[in-house]
Structures are given as structure tokens and as C-alpha cells.
Amino acid sequence: MRRSGLGMEQVIEHLLNAERLLGQLEQHQAKKHVRNGIKEWLLASRSIVDSVIDALEDEPGTPSARKIKISDECEDSLKGKDRR
């Protein structure tokens, strides 16, 4: 019986250590969540800023009117003269 008593004491000691560890984890959990949340927010913000910069760099200049030169063949086919 003495041997089982020591085993119970060890089990209780391990349970107390586990309870203490879980208590410490709970205390630090809020800080960890806030830190991770801020990191995620910063990464998302950076991604958005990079996307906006890329979009602005890829955007063509101001639209302008340009003259389109149509060849004589195209003009004839549009007028109906060249029917095949």
C-alpha cells in the first residue's frame, strides 16, 4: 500500500504542475493573441499598400484620342465594293 501512496503523491504533484502551467499560459495568452493580431494586421496593411502601388504603376497615362489609319482595302470592303 505504501507504494501506491507514493504513486498518488506523484500524480497529484504532476497535476499541480500541469495546473500551474495552464494558469501561466492563460495569463500570457492575451498578450500573444494581441501580438499575433497586430502582426496579421500589419501584414494585411502592407499587402494592400503594395497592391495599390502596383495598380498605380500599371495604370496607363491619361486617355487621349488617336487617329486610326484605315487602309484602302479596308475602306473598299466597308463600302461594299470588294465582295468576294
Protein backbone atom coordinates (compact mmCIF):
# COMPACT_ATOMS: atom_id res chain seq x y z
CA MET A 1 0.00 0.00 0.00
CA ARG A 2 2.85 2.34 0.69
CA ARG A 3 3.93 2.10 -2.91
CA SER A 4 0.51 3.15 -4.25
CA GLY A 5 0.54 6.12 -1.86
CA LEU A 6 3.75 7.43 -3.40
CA GLY A 7 2.27 6.95 -6.86
CA MET A 8 -0.75 9.05 -5.90
CA GLU A 9 1.50 11.77 -4.49
CA GLN A 10 3.40 11.88 -7.79
CA VAL A 11 0.18 12.02 -9.76
CA ILE A 12 -1.09 14.86 -7.57
CA GLU A 13 2.25 16.67 -7.93
CA HIS A 14 2.12 16.30 -11.73
CA LEU A 15 -1.47 17.56 -11.75
CA LEU A 16 -0.48 20.60 -9.66
CA ASN A 17 2.41 21.31 -12.04
CA ALA A 18 0.07 20.99 -15.03
CA GLU A 19 -2.45 23.32 -13.36
CA ARG A 20 0.29 25.87 -12.65
CA LEU A 21 1.49 25.65 -16.26
CA LEU A 22 -2.03 26.11 -17.63
CA GLY A 23 -2.52 29.14 -15.36
CA GLN A 24 0.67 30.71 -16.69
CA LEU A 25 -0.39 30.01 -20.26
CA GLU A 26 -3.74 31.69 -19.67
CA GLN A 27 -2.02 34.81 -18.31
CA HIS A 28 0.24 35.14 -21.34
CA GLN A 29 -2.36 34.07 -23.87
CA ALA A 30 -3.95 37.53 -24.15
CA LYS A 31 -0.59 39.16 -24.90
CA LYS A 32 0.17 36.52 -27.50
CA HIS A 33 -3.20 36.96 -29.21
CA VAL A 34 -2.79 40.74 -29.32
CA ARG A 35 0.74 40.43 -30.69
CA ASN A 36 -0.36 37.95 -33.36
CA GLY A 37 -3.35 40.13 -34.26
CA ILE A 38 -1.13 43.17 -34.72
CA LYS A 39 1.30 41.17 -36.88
CA GLU A 40 -1.55 39.95 -39.09
CA TRP A 41 -2.96 43.47 -39.38
CA LEU A 42 0.44 44.86 -40.37
CA LEU A 43 0.95 42.15 -42.98
CA ALA A 44 -2.52 42.75 -44.43
CA SER A 45 -1.94 46.51 -44.49
CA ARG A 46 1.37 46.05 -46.26
CA SER A 47 -0.26 43.76 -48.80
CA ILE A 48 -2.96 46.35 -49.51
CA VAL A 49 -0.42 49.16 -49.86
CA ASP A 50 1.68 47.02 -52.24
CA SER A 51 -1.41 46.25 -54.32
CA VAL A 52 -2.35 49.93 -54.58
CA ILE A 53 1.21 50.87 -55.58
CA ASP A 54 1.23 48.14 -58.25
CA ALA A 55 -2.14 49.29 -59.57
CA LEU A 56 -0.96 52.90 -59.78
CA GLU A 57 2.26 51.92 -61.55
CA ASP A 58 0.42 49.72 -64.05
CA GLU A 59 -2.23 52.35 -64.80
CA PRO A 60 -1.73 53.86 -68.26
CA GLY A 61 -1.37 57.59 -68.71
CA THR A 62 -4.32 59.85 -69.30
CA PRO A 63 -6.50 58.67 -72.16
CA SER A 64 -6.03 60.57 -75.40
CA ALA A 65 -7.69 60.48 -78.79
CA ARG A 66 -5.66 58.87 -81.54
CA LYS A 67 -6.17 58.72 -85.24
CA ILE A 68 -6.74 55.30 -86.74
CA LYS A 69 -5.46 54.88 -90.28
CA ILE A 70 -7.62 52.57 -92.34
CA SER A 71 -6.04 51.10 -95.46
CA ASP A 72 -7.72 51.46 -98.86
CA GLU A 73 -8.66 47.75 -98.90
CA CYS A 74 -10.48 48.02 -95.63
CA GLU A 75 -12.31 51.15 -96.82
CA ASP A 76 -13.43 49.37 -100.01
CA SER A 77 -14.69 46.35 -98.12
CA LEU A 78 -16.53 48.58 -95.69
CA LYS A 79 -18.18 50.44 -98.56
CA GLY A 80 -19.21 47.16 -100.19
CA LYS A 81 -17.03 47.42 -103.29
CA ASP A 82 -14.96 44.33 -102.54
CA ARG A 83 -17.45 41.49 -102.32
CA ARG A 84 -15.97 38.06 -102.75
